[in-house]
Amino acid sequence: MKNLRYLAVACLMAGTAHAHDEPLDLDGFMQAFGWDFKSAEIRTEKVTDGLYVLFGIGGNIGVSVGPQGVLIVDDQFPQMIPKVGDAIRAIGGGAVDFAINTHWHFDHADGNLALGPGGTWLVSQANSREMMLDDHIINLVAMQYKQEAYPQSALPVITYDDTMQFHFNGQEIDLVHAGPAHTTGDTAVIFRGDNAVHLGDVFNRGYPFIDADNGGDLSGMIAFCKAVLGLIDRDTVVIPGHGEISDYDGLQHYIVMLEEMKAVIGRMIRDGRSLGDVIAAKPTAKYDPEFGDPFNFVNRAYTSLKREME
């Protein structure tokens, strides 16, 4: 059950999926992992009286419910939106007024295809909207996924460059972009009144996927996480893109792991070691019991760092 909630993390489990020469569409991707929208369930976890996290298939959904309406962070898939709507009604909400995409990847933003035409205001960092305008191949190492361009009705109608602020449901909600990280258009959403932050796939409870072929960057991921760490406090609830809710210490520990892996893999690249050499050396071994299968992470980290050094 744990891995069913970790769409991005599941993509790290290269040994559990067959390699595909041709990019997969969504049906092929779902079949490869044995996932089924019909049987999938939404689990709700309360953070505060007005903030909840919904777990289903795809990225974690943050939900702010209050007197001004409903604001969500990420929206999974259109097939899940009816179940998401039921879960929101169960906590006292109604229709979704605003949906913020933490980035453009399908497991976090395909719900736009249902919400946009339904009247929800869609919001993202400018680079994410730009990526939604065209088809892109997402290289997950074990397989490739073809994410098709979104129609006009599913595109964000509000974008920002570096920072943006909502005043909604009695609190300030800060949107922060700190440069290329998981993608080139990541957003951290800080709920000031609830003292919580949703980081999308910049922070996961397993090794992260770095979309290196589309501008994602390991060094940028570290910088992004550090920037957010400096904007929160030790009591802040930290919501990852995939996995269970964490905290300040969890984010800090994640940064330490990323910095150590950057140093180790970077040193091996400078020594002329190939990707195969690095994988064989098992640089992540001490973290694997906690973060899971490292194959995808090491591959994408190597690719990112080698590009940085060229």
Protein backbone atom coordinates (compact mmCIF):
# COMPACT_ATOMS: atom_id res chain seq x y z
CA MET A 1 0.00 0.00 0.00
CA LYS A 2 2.85 2.33 0.84
CA ASN A 3 4.34 2.21 -2.65
CA LEU A 4 0.96 2.64 -4.30
CA ARG A 5 0.86 6.12 -2.81
CA TYR A 6 4.35 6.95 -3.94
CA LEU A 7 3.94 7.37 -7.68
CA ALA A 8 7.25 9.13 -8.17
CA VAL A 9 8.97 6.93 -5.61
CA ALA A 10 7.59 3.82 -7.26
CA CYS A 11 9.26 4.94 -10.47
CA LEU A 12 12.53 4.54 -8.64
CA MET A 13 11.96 0.80 -8.31
CA ALA A 14 13.60 0.03 -11.64
CA GLY A 15 14.00 -3.63 -10.83
CA THR A 16 10.24 -4.12 -10.54
CA ALA A 17 9.38 -2.92 -14.03
CA HIS A 18 10.46 -4.00 -17.49
CA ALA A 19 12.36 -1.51 -19.61
CA HIS A 20 10.34 -0.07 -22.49
CA ASP A 21 11.82 1.08 -25.78
CA GLU A 22 8.82 3.26 -26.60
CA PRO A 23 7.43 5.91 -24.25
CA LEU A 24 4.34 4.77 -22.39
CA ASP A 25 1.01 6.53 -22.32
CA LEU A 26 -1.02 6.64 -19.10
CA ASP A 27 -2.77 3.31 -19.75
CA GLY A 28 0.56 1.62 -20.32
CA PHE A 29 2.06 3.22 -17.27
CA MET A 30 -0.84 2.17 -15.04
CA GLN A 31 -0.65 -1.37 -16.40
CA ALA A 32 3.09 -1.54 -15.79
CA PHE A 33 2.55 -0.92 -12.08
CA GLY A 34 -0.76 -2.74 -11.72
CA TRP A 35 -2.66 0.35 -10.61
CA ASP A 36 -6.39 0.79 -10.98
CA PHE A 37 -8.30 4.07 -10.65
CA LYS A 38 -11.58 2.28 -9.97
CA SER A 39 -10.33 0.43 -6.89
CA ALA A 40 -8.11 3.24 -5.61
CA GLU A 41 -9.17 4.91 -2.39
CA ILE A 42 -8.54 8.34 -0.93
CA ARG A 43 -7.20 8.52 2.62
CA THR A 44 -7.52 11.81 4.51
CA GLU A 45 -5.17 13.03 7.23
CA LYS A 46 -5.88 16.14 9.28
CA VAL A 47 -3.05 18.64 9.82
CA THR A 48 -5.08 21.44 11.44
CA ASP A 49 -8.77 22.33 11.61
CA GLY A 50 -8.49 23.89 8.17
CA LEU A 51 -5.72 21.92 6.45
CA TYR A 52 -5.77 18.30 5.33
CA VAL A 53 -3.71 15.95 3.15
CA LEU A 54 -5.35 13.51 0.75
CA PHE A 55 -3.43 10.36 -0.24
CA GLY A 56 -4.47 8.43 -3.35
CA ILE A 57 -2.84 7.61 -6.69
CA GLY A 58 -0.35 10.31 -7.56
CA GLY A 59 1.03 13.20 -5.57
CA ASN A 60 -0.25 14.13 -2.14
CA ILE A 61 -3.02 16.72 -2.25
CA GLY A 62 -3.01 19.54 0.30
CA VAL A 63 -6.49 20.90 1.04
CA SER A 64 -7.30 24.24 2.69
CA VAL A 65 -10.97 24.40 3.70
CA GLY A 66 -12.51 27.51 5.22
CA PRO A 67 -15.01 30.36 4.95
CA GLN A 68 -13.65 31.52 1.59
CA GLY A 69 -13.81 28.09 0.00
CA VAL A 70 -11.39 25.36 -1.02
CA LEU A 71 -7.78 25.67 -2.20
CA ILE A 72 -5.85 22.54 -3.08
CA VAL A 73 -2.20 21.84 -3.84
CA ASP A 74 -1.84 19.31 -6.68
CA ASP A 75 -4.70 17.30 -8.14
CA GLN A 76 -3.51 13.82 -9.15
CA PHE A 77 -5.54 12.48 -12.13
CA PRO A 78 -8.92 13.38 -13.65
CA GLN A 79 -10.10 9.84 -12.89
CA MET A 80 -9.48 10.52 -9.19
CA ILE A 81 -11.24 13.90 -9.02
CA PRO A 82 -14.70 12.48 -8.16
CA LYS A 83 -13.16 10.64 -5.20
CA VAL A 84 -11.15 13.72 -4.25
CA GLY A 85 -14.37 15.73 -4.33
CA ASP A 86 -16.07 13.23 -2.03
CA ALA A 87 -13.16 13.45 0.41
CA ILE A 88 -13.28 17.25 0.38
CA ARG A 89 -17.02 17.25 1.06
CA ALA A 90 -16.44 14.86 3.97
CA ILE A 91 -14.24 17.49 5.66
CA GLY A 92 -16.73 20.30 5.11
CA GLY A 93 -15.61 21.68 1.76
CA GLY A 94 -17.32 22.16 -1.57
CA ALA A 95 -16.14 22.79 -5.08
CA VAL A 96 -12.43 23.49 -5.58
CA ASP A 97 -11.89 27.22 -6.06
CA PHE A 98 -8.11 27.17 -6.59
CA ALA A 99 -5.71 24.38 -7.52
CA ILE A 100 -1.98 25.07 -7.29
CA ASN A 101 0.28 22.78 -9.32
CA THR A 102 3.61 22.26 -7.54
CA HIS A 103 4.98 21.27 -10.96
CA TRP A 104 3.84 19.99 -14.36
CA HIS A 105 4.26 16.22 -14.04
CA PHE A 106 1.21 14.14 -14.84
CA ASP A 107 0.77 12.53 -11.41
CA HIS A 108 0.45 15.99 -9.82
CA ALA A 109 -1.28 18.03 -12.50
CA ASP A 110 -3.40 15.81 -14.78
CA GLY A 111 -6.36 16.56 -12.52
CA ASN A 112 -6.32 19.96 -14.24
CA LEU A 113 -8.07 18.20 -17.13
CA ALA A 114 -11.17 17.83 -14.95
CA LEU A 115 -10.88 20.84 -12.65
CA GLY A 116 -10.11 23.50 -15.26
CA PRO A 117 -13.23 22.91 -17.36
CA GLY A 118 -15.21 22.76 -14.11
CA GLY A 119 -14.30 26.34 -13.21
CA THR A 120 -11.36 25.90 -10.83
CA TRP A 121 -8.71 28.61 -11.05
CA LEU A 122 -5.44 26.85 -11.89
CA VAL A 123 -2.13 28.26 -10.63
CA SER A 124 1.52 27.36 -11.25
CA GLN A 125 5.03 28.72 -11.58
CA ALA A 126 5.51 30.15 -15.08
CA ASN A 127 7.95 27.46 -16.23
CA SER A 128 5.47 24.72 -15.38
CA ARG A 129 2.77 26.29 -17.51
CA GLU A 130 5.30 26.61 -20.31
CA MET A 131 6.05 22.88 -20.11
CA MET A 132 2.33 22.07 -20.25
CA LEU A 133 2.09 23.73 -23.67
CA ASP A 134 3.99 20.93 -25.45
CA ASP A 135 4.52 17.17 -25.37
CA HIS A 136 7.45 15.99 -23.25
CA ILE A 137 9.17 12.68 -22.58
CA ILE A 138 9.81 12.00 -18.88
CA ASN A 139 12.78 9.65 -18.54
CA LEU A 140 12.10 7.44 -15.52
CA VAL A 141 15.11 5.24 -16.41
CA ALA A 142 13.23 1.93 -16.21
CA MET A 143 10.70 3.38 -18.63
CA GLN A 144 9.79 6.58 -20.37
CA TYR A 145 6.46 8.35 -20.11
CA LYS A 146 5.01 10.60 -22.79
CA GLN A 147 3.20 13.53 -21.21
CA GLU A 148 1.06 15.23 -23.82
CA ALA A 149 0.38 18.94 -24.01
CA TYR A 150 -2.62 20.13 -22.01
CA PRO A 151 -5.61 21.72 -23.72
CA GLN A 152 -6.29 25.40 -23.03
CA SER A 153 -8.93 24.56 -20.44
CA ALA A 154 -6.40 22.64 -18.29
CA LEU A 155 -3.64 25.26 -18.33
CA PRO A 156 -2.90 27.48 -15.33
CA VAL A 157 -4.58 30.86 -15.72
CA ILE A 158 -2.44 32.44 -12.99
CA THR A 159 1.36 32.14 -13.00
CA TYR A 160 4.26 33.74 -11.14
CA ASP A 161 8.05 33.84 -11.42
CA ASP A 162 9.69 33.81 -7.96
CA THR A 163 7.07 34.44 -5.26
CA MET A 164 3.34 34.93 -4.96
CA GLN A 165 0.94 35.29 -2.05
CA PHE A 166 -2.68 34.30 -1.45
CA HIS A 167 -4.83 35.73 1.32
CA PHE A 168 -7.33 32.93 1.69
CA ASN A 169 -9.28 31.26 4.49
CA GLY A 170 -7.93 33.69 7.06
CA GLN A 171 -4.22 33.20 6.39
CA GLU A 172 -1.35 34.10 4.13
CA ILE A 173 -0.31 31.36 1.72
CA ASP A 174 3.12 31.92 0.17
CA LEU A 175 4.15 30.36 -3.14
CA VAL A 176 7.92 30.10 -3.55
CA HIS A 177 10.07 29.12 -6.52
CA ALA A 178 13.80 28.84 -5.74
CA GLY A 179 15.14 27.79 -9.13
CA PRO A 180 15.40 24.48 -11.02
CA ALA A 181 15.12 21.48 -8.71
CA HIS A 182 12.89 18.45 -9.35
CA THR A 183 11.81 20.32 -12.50
CA THR A 184 12.38 23.85 -13.76
CA GLY A 185 9.01 25.01 -12.43
CA ASP A 186 8.64 23.79 -8.85
CA THR A 187 6.54 25.55 -6.25
CA ALA A 188 6.62 25.26 -2.46
CA VAL A 189 3.32 26.28 -0.87
CA ILE A 190 3.63 27.64 2.68
CA PHE A 191 0.44 27.88 4.74
CA ARG A 192 1.44 30.50 7.29
CA GLY A 193 -1.62 30.21 9.52
CA ASP A 194 -1.44 26.42 9.63
CA ASN A 195 2.39 26.47 9.85
CA ALA A 196 2.74 23.87 7.11
CA VAL A 197 4.49 23.62 3.75
CA HIS A 198 3.76 21.42 0.73
CA LEU A 199 6.94 20.85 -1.27
CA GLY A 200 5.70 18.72 -4.14
CA ASP A 201 8.35 16.35 -5.48
CA VAL A 202 11.26 18.52 -4.40
CA PHE A 203 10.87 16.58 -1.14
CA ASN A 204 9.72 12.96 -0.95
CA ARG A 205 9.90 10.28 1.72
CA GLY A 206 12.10 8.20 -0.59
CA TYR A 207 14.94 9.03 -2.94
CA PRO A 208 13.77 11.84 -5.22
CA PHE A 209 13.28 11.65 -8.94
CA ILE A 210 15.27 14.39 -10.68
CA ASP A 211 13.84 15.14 -14.12
CA ALA A 212 17.33 15.77 -15.47
CA ASP A 213 16.32 15.44 -19.13
CA ASN A 214 13.89 18.33 -18.72
CA GLY A 215 16.12 20.67 -16.70
CA GLY A 216 15.85 19.12 -13.23
CA ASP A 217 18.98 19.55 -11.15
CA LEU A 218 20.39 17.87 -8.03
CA SER A 219 22.29 20.97 -6.91
CA GLY A 220 19.15 23.00 -7.48
CA MET A 221 17.11 20.55 -5.46
CA ILE A 222 19.44 21.02 -2.51
CA ALA A 223 19.32 24.81 -2.89
CA PHE A 224 15.52 24.76 -3.14
CA CYS A 225 15.14 22.67 0.02
CA LYS A 226 17.57 24.92 1.91
CA ALA A 227 15.66 28.00 0.79
CA VAL A 228 12.40 26.57 2.10
CA LEU A 229 14.05 25.43 5.33
CA GLY A 230 15.03 29.05 5.91
CA LEU A 231 11.41 30.17 5.50
CA ILE A 232 9.86 27.80 8.06
CA ASP A 233 10.48 26.93 11.70
CA ARG A 234 11.04 23.79 13.75
CA ASP A 235 7.31 23.34 14.36
CA THR A 236 6.35 23.47 10.68
CA VAL A 237 4.54 20.45 9.24
CA VAL A 238 6.27 19.38 6.01
CA ILE A 239 4.11 17.72 3.36
CA PRO A 240 6.06 15.76 0.74
CA GLY A 241 5.03 15.13 -2.83
CA HIS A 242 4.76 11.42 -2.02
CA GLY A 243 4.80 9.64 1.31
CA GLU A 244 3.75 10.35 4.84
CA ILE A 245 3.75 13.79 6.42
CA SER A 246 7.11 14.88 7.83
CA ASP A 247 8.61 17.80 9.74
CA TYR A 248 11.50 20.26 9.87
CA ASP A 249 13.97 17.60 11.04
CA GLY A 250 12.86 15.27 8.26
CA LEU A 251 13.51 17.92 5.63
CA GLN A 252 16.85 18.77 7.19
CA HIS A 253 17.90 15.11 7.19
CA TYR A 254 16.86 14.82 3.54
CA ILE A 255 19.10 17.77 2.67
CA VAL A 256 22.05 16.15 4.46
CA MET A 257 21.50 12.97 2.42
CA LEU A 258 21.32 14.89 -0.86
CA GLU A 259 24.46 16.90 -0.05
CA GLU A 260 26.39 13.76 0.85
CA MET A 261 25.29 11.99 -2.33
CA LYS A 262 26.22 15.03 -4.43
CA ALA A 263 29.69 15.06 -2.89
CA VAL A 264 30.28 11.30 -3.30
CA ILE A 265 28.88 10.95 -6.83
CA GLY A 266 30.50 14.23 -7.91
CA ARG A 267 33.90 13.02 -6.70
CA MET A 268 33.49 9.77 -8.64
CA ILE A 269 32.61 11.70 -11.80
CA ARG A 270 35.70 13.88 -11.41
CA ASP A 271 37.73 10.68 -11.04
CA GLY A 272 36.45 9.57 -14.43
CA ARG A 273 34.09 6.88 -13.19
CA SER A 274 31.27 5.83 -15.51
CA LEU A 275 27.62 5.59 -14.55
CA GLY A 276 27.99 1.83 -14.33
CA ASP A 277 30.98 2.23 -12.01
CA VAL A 278 29.02 4.56 -9.75
CA ILE A 279 26.02 2.24 -9.58
CA ALA A 280 28.27 -0.72 -8.82
CA ALA A 281 29.97 1.21 -6.00
CA LYS A 282 26.62 1.56 -4.18
CA PRO A 283 27.24 5.10 -2.89
CA THR A 284 23.81 5.27 -1.27
CA ALA A 285 24.09 2.00 0.66
CA LYS A 286 23.79 3.44 4.16
CA TYR A 287 20.63 5.34 3.23
CA ASP A 288 18.89 2.58 1.27
CA PRO A 289 17.05 1.02 4.24
CA GLU A 290 15.39 4.40 4.81
CA PHE A 291 14.97 5.79 1.28
CA GLY A 292 14.46 2.64 -0.79
CA ASP A 293 15.79 1.48 -4.15
CA PRO A 294 18.42 4.00 -5.34
CA PHE A 295 18.76 2.96 -9.00
CA ASN A 296 16.72 5.79 -10.52
CA PHE A 297 18.12 8.39 -8.13
CA VAL A 298 21.76 7.50 -8.80
CA ASN A 299 21.18 7.51 -12.55
CA ARG A 300 19.49 10.91 -12.57
CA ALA A 301 21.89 12.40 -10.01
CA TYR A 302 24.87 11.26 -12.11
CA THR A 303 23.31 12.69 -15.26
CA SER A 304 22.57 16.01 -13.53
CA LEU A 305 26.02 16.38 -11.98
CA LYS A 306 27.90 15.33 -15.10
CA ARG A 307 26.03 17.97 -17.08
CA GLU A 308 26.86 20.53 -14.42
CA MET A 309 30.56 19.71 -14.62
CA GLU A 310 30.83 19.86 -18.39
